[in-house]
Amino acid sequence: MEKAKILLIDDDDIYIYLTKRMLKGISENIDVESYMDGEQALEYIESCIEQGLDFPRVILLDINMPFLDGWGFLEEFRKLKPKIKQEVHFYLVTSSQSQRDKTRAEKYEELTEYVVKPVAEDRLIQILDAAYEDYW
């Protein structure tokens, strides 16, 4: 069986570490890529497209990051979206509970949901179930 692919984009190394541990605890059948800024993640995505590699079906994206933040990442992703052949479930995972950020997120049709940190294991399972129901 092919592994479920998850992309974490967040500059908080503790969040990345804990989320990876939770995901590995949920299933050994999960492959997690992580990047600490949007620019690195975009390079990874472009590489997947160019090389014809399987694309992550779930992206967990933070808003506040150095270099290219979550909003900038979403704008750049929109340019690449026509080249991606499979469905992608985007979750904006942030510590921001600002109504302004939530309202801004609604303008991005690419986003599946706005999720406030911390993210519990049962919530990760729900996210995986929504994207990979054929895997579980």
C-alpha atoms as a PDB file:
ATOM      1  CA  MET A   1       0.000   0.000   0.000  1.00  0.00           C
ATOM      2  CA  GLU A   2       1.258   3.463  -0.874  1.00  0.00           C
ATOM      3  CA  LYS A   3       1.996   5.765   2.042  1.00  0.00           C
ATOM      4  CA  ALA A   4      -0.227   8.719   2.867  1.00  0.00           C
ATOM      5  CA  LYS A   5       1.739  11.926   2.234  1.00  0.00           C
ATOM      6  CA  ILE A   6       1.514  14.898   4.589  1.00  0.00           C
ATOM      7  CA  LEU A   7       3.266  18.257   4.205  1.00  0.00           C
ATOM      8  CA  LEU A   8       3.916  20.372   7.326  1.00  0.00           C
ATOM      9  CA  ILE A   9       4.855  24.013   6.771  1.00  0.00           C
ATOM     10  CA  ASP A  10       5.628  25.748  10.052  1.00  0.00           C
ATOM     11  CA  ASP A  11       8.585  27.573  11.601  1.00  0.00           C
ATOM     12  CA  ASP A  12       7.981  26.069  15.066  1.00  0.00           C
ATOM     13  CA  ASP A  13      10.330  23.102  15.330  1.00  0.00           C
ATOM     14  CA  ILE A  14       8.614  21.831  18.499  1.00  0.00           C
ATOM     15  CA  TYR A  15       5.230  21.777  16.714  1.00  0.00           C
ATOM     16  CA  ILE A  16       6.799  19.937  13.770  1.00  0.00           C
ATOM     17  CA  TYR A  17       8.458  17.402  16.068  1.00  0.00           C
ATOM     18  CA  LEU A  18       5.296  16.737  18.093  1.00  0.00           C
ATOM     19  CA  THR A  19       3.056  16.557  15.022  1.00  0.00           C
ATOM     20  CA  LYS A  20       5.393  14.108  13.292  1.00  0.00           C
ATOM     21  CA  ARG A  21       5.421  11.921  16.422  1.00  0.00           C
ATOM     22  CA  MET A  22       1.625  11.965  16.611  1.00  0.00           C
ATOM     23  CA  LEU A  23       1.287  11.115  12.921  1.00  0.00           C
ATOM     24  CA  LYS A  24       3.772   8.229  13.194  1.00  0.00           C
ATOM     25  CA  GLY A  25       1.836   7.020  16.245  1.00  0.00           C
ATOM     26  CA  ILE A  26      -1.382   7.047  14.243  1.00  0.00           C
ATOM     27  CA  SER A  27       0.057   4.936  11.434  1.00  0.00           C
ATOM     28  CA  GLU A  28       3.375   3.740  10.062  1.00  0.00           C
ATOM     29  CA  ASN A  29       1.796   4.237   6.654  1.00  0.00           C
ATOM     30  CA  ILE A  30       2.323   8.028   6.729  1.00  0.00           C
ATOM     31  CA  ASP A  31       5.174   9.892   5.040  1.00  0.00           C
ATOM     32  CA  VAL A  32       5.695  13.405   6.477  1.00  0.00           C
ATOM     33  CA  GLU A  33       7.676  16.171   4.775  1.00  0.00           C
ATOM     34  CA  SER A  34       8.267  19.370   6.731  1.00  0.00           C
ATOM     35  CA  TYR A  35       9.601  22.821   5.934  1.00  0.00           C
ATOM     36  CA  MET A  36      10.149  25.814   8.169  1.00  0.00           C
ATOM     37  CA  ASP A  37       9.156  28.433   5.622  1.00  0.00           C
ATOM     38  CA  GLY A  38       6.896  28.795   2.628  1.00  0.00           C
ATOM     39  CA  GLU A  39       9.722  29.258   0.116  1.00  0.00           C
ATOM     40  CA  GLN A  40      11.251  25.868   0.917  1.00  0.00           C
ATOM     41  CA  ALA A  41       7.841  24.219   0.734  1.00  0.00           C
ATOM     42  CA  LEU A  42       7.132  25.787  -2.665  1.00  0.00           C
ATOM     43  CA  GLU A  43      10.459  24.457  -3.963  1.00  0.00           C
ATOM     44  CA  TYR A  44       9.441  20.980  -2.764  1.00  0.00           C
ATOM     45  CA  ILE A  45       6.041  21.277  -4.452  1.00  0.00           C
ATOM     46  CA  GLU A  46       7.595  22.489  -7.712  1.00  0.00           C
ATOM     47  CA  SER A  47      10.020  19.555  -7.550  1.00  0.00           C
ATOM     48  CA  CYS A  48       7.117  17.107  -7.109  1.00  0.00           C
ATOM     49  CA  ILE A  49       5.373  18.619 -10.134  1.00  0.00           C
ATOM     50  CA  GLU A  50       8.492  18.634 -12.337  1.00  0.00           C
ATOM     51  CA  GLN A  51       9.472  15.077 -11.432  1.00  0.00           C
ATOM     52  CA  GLY A  52       5.943  13.686 -11.572  1.00  0.00           C
ATOM     53  CA  LEU A  53       6.102  12.558  -7.948  1.00  0.00           C
ATOM     54  CA  ASP A  54       3.062  11.869  -5.799  1.00  0.00           C
ATOM     55  CA  PHE A  55       1.888  15.065  -4.223  1.00  0.00           C
ATOM     56  CA  PRO A  56       0.904  15.350  -0.536  1.00  0.00           C
ATOM     57  CA  ARG A  57      -2.848  15.107  -0.180  1.00  0.00           C
ATOM     58  CA  VAL A  58      -2.772  16.973   3.152  1.00  0.00           C
ATOM     59  CA  ILE A  59      -0.958  20.264   3.784  1.00  0.00           C
ATOM     60  CA  LEU A  60      -0.830  21.719   7.292  1.00  0.00           C
ATOM     61  CA  LEU A  61       0.168  25.371   6.873  1.00  0.00           C
ATOM     62  CA  ASP A  62       1.050  27.986   9.488  1.00  0.00           C
ATOM     63  CA  ILE A  63       0.359  31.692   8.891  1.00  0.00           C
ATOM     64  CA  ASN A  64       3.292  33.392  10.620  1.00  0.00           C
ATOM     65  CA  MET A  65       6.660  32.302   9.218  1.00  0.00           C
ATOM     66  CA  PRO A  66       9.843  34.026   8.077  1.00  0.00           C
ATOM     67  CA  PHE A  67      10.639  34.692   4.406  1.00  0.00           C
ATOM     68  CA  LEU A  68       7.291  33.624   2.940  1.00  0.00           C
ATOM     69  CA  ASP A  69       4.365  33.449   5.339  1.00  0.00           C
ATOM     70  CA  GLY A  70       1.247  31.314   4.983  1.00  0.00           C
ATOM     71  CA  TRP A  71      -0.676  33.989   3.074  1.00  0.00           C
ATOM     72  CA  GLY A  72       2.170  34.437   0.589  1.00  0.00           C
ATOM     73  CA  PHE A  73       2.456  30.681   0.249  1.00  0.00           C
ATOM     74  CA  LEU A  74      -1.234  30.409  -0.617  1.00  0.00           C
ATOM     75  CA  GLU A  75      -0.882  33.104  -3.293  1.00  0.00           C
ATOM     76  CA  GLU A  76       2.074  31.292  -4.875  1.00  0.00           C
ATOM     77  CA  PHE A  77       0.333  27.916  -4.576  1.00  0.00           C
ATOM     78  CA  ARG A  78      -2.595  29.288  -6.578  1.00  0.00           C
ATOM     79  CA  LYS A  79      -0.203  29.734  -9.514  1.00  0.00           C
ATOM     80  CA  LEU A  80       0.898  26.094  -9.290  1.00  0.00           C
ATOM     81  CA  LYS A  81      -2.554  24.639  -8.625  1.00  0.00           C
ATOM     82  CA  PRO A  82      -3.448  24.051 -12.325  1.00  0.00           C
ATOM     83  CA  LYS A  83      -0.420  21.752 -12.616  1.00  0.00           C
ATOM     84  CA  ILE A  84      -1.522  19.554  -9.709  1.00  0.00           C
ATOM     85  CA  LYS A  85      -3.749  16.702 -10.803  1.00  0.00           C
ATOM     86  CA  GLN A  86      -4.932  15.384  -7.458  1.00  0.00           C
ATOM     87  CA  GLU A  87      -7.083  16.766  -4.677  1.00  0.00           C
ATOM     88  CA  VAL A  88      -5.226  18.603  -1.895  1.00  0.00           C
ATOM     89  CA  HIS A  89      -6.667  19.189   1.570  1.00  0.00           C
ATOM     90  CA  PHE A  90      -5.257  22.440   2.958  1.00  0.00           C
ATOM     91  CA  TYR A  91      -5.510  23.166   6.674  1.00  0.00           C
ATOM     92  CA  LEU A  92      -4.400  26.520   7.991  1.00  0.00           C
ATOM     93  CA  VAL A  93      -3.005  25.449  11.373  1.00  0.00           C
ATOM     94  CA  THR A  94      -2.167  28.467  13.481  1.00  0.00           C
ATOM     95  CA  SER A  95      -2.134  29.838  16.989  1.00  0.00           C
ATOM     96  CA  SER A  96      -4.007  32.914  15.730  1.00  0.00           C
ATOM     97  CA  GLN A  97      -7.581  33.171  16.921  1.00  0.00           C
ATOM     98  CA  SER A  98      -7.934  36.581  15.272  1.00  0.00           C
ATOM     99  CA  GLN A  99     -11.247  37.107  13.509  1.00  0.00           C
ATOM    100  CA  ARG A 100      -9.332  39.090  10.875  1.00  0.00           C
ATOM    101  CA  ASP A 101      -7.226  36.020  10.025  1.00  0.00           C
ATOM    102  CA  LYS A 102     -10.293  33.761  10.002  1.00  0.00           C
ATOM    103  CA  THR A 103     -12.114  36.148   7.660  1.00  0.00           C
ATOM    104  CA  ARG A 104      -9.068  36.394   5.401  1.00  0.00           C
ATOM    105  CA  ALA A 105      -8.826  32.583   5.295  1.00  0.00           C
ATOM    106  CA  GLU A 106     -12.394  32.378   3.967  1.00  0.00           C
ATOM    107  CA  LYS A 107     -11.207  34.110   0.786  1.00  0.00           C
ATOM    108  CA  TYR A 108      -9.051  31.102  -0.122  1.00  0.00           C
ATOM    109  CA  GLU A 109     -11.098  28.387  -1.761  1.00  0.00           C
ATOM    110  CA  GLU A 110      -8.039  26.138  -1.489  1.00  0.00           C
ATOM    111  CA  LEU A 111      -8.407  25.947   2.296  1.00  0.00           C
ATOM    112  CA  THR A 112     -10.319  23.034   3.709  1.00  0.00           C
ATOM    113  CA  GLU A 113     -10.390  24.399   7.234  1.00  0.00           C
ATOM    114  CA  TYR A 114      -8.927  26.871   9.720  1.00  0.00           C
ATOM    115  CA  VAL A 115      -7.539  24.971  12.735  1.00  0.00           C
ATOM    116  CA  VAL A 116      -6.287  26.593  15.939  1.00  0.00           C
ATOM    117  CA  LYS A 117      -3.218  25.092  17.655  1.00  0.00           C
ATOM    118  CA  PRO A 118      -2.608  22.956  19.556  1.00  0.00           C
ATOM    119  CA  VAL A 119      -3.867  20.122  17.381  1.00  0.00           C
ATOM    120  CA  ALA A 120      -4.763  16.974  19.300  1.00  0.00           C
ATOM    121  CA  GLU A 121      -4.232  13.483  17.936  1.00  0.00           C
ATOM    122  CA  ASP A 122      -7.962  12.860  17.482  1.00  0.00           C
ATOM    123  CA  ARG A 123      -8.160  16.013  15.326  1.00  0.00           C
ATOM    124  CA  LEU A 124      -5.261  14.779  13.176  1.00  0.00           C
ATOM    125  CA  ILE A 125      -7.114  11.497  12.728  1.00  0.00           C
ATOM    126  CA  GLN A 126     -10.194  13.417  11.515  1.00  0.00           C
ATOM    127  CA  ILE A 127      -8.029  15.338   9.028  1.00  0.00           C
ATOM    128  CA  LEU A 128      -6.464  12.125   7.739  1.00  0.00           C
ATOM    129  CA  ASP A 129      -9.846  10.412   7.505  1.00  0.00           C
ATOM    130  CA  ALA A 130     -11.198  13.250   5.367  1.00  0.00           C
ATOM    131  CA  ALA A 131      -8.303  13.076   2.910  1.00  0.00           C
ATOM    132  CA  TYR A 132      -7.355   9.398   2.978  1.00  0.00           C
ATOM    133  CA  GLU A 133     -10.543   7.505   3.712  1.00  0.00           C
ATOM    134  CA  ASP A 134      -9.350   4.759   1.352  1.00  0.00           C
ATOM    135  CA  TYR A 135      -6.218   4.212   3.478  1.00  0.00           C
ATOM    136  CA  TRP A 136      -7.784   3.528   6.870  1.00  0.00           C
END
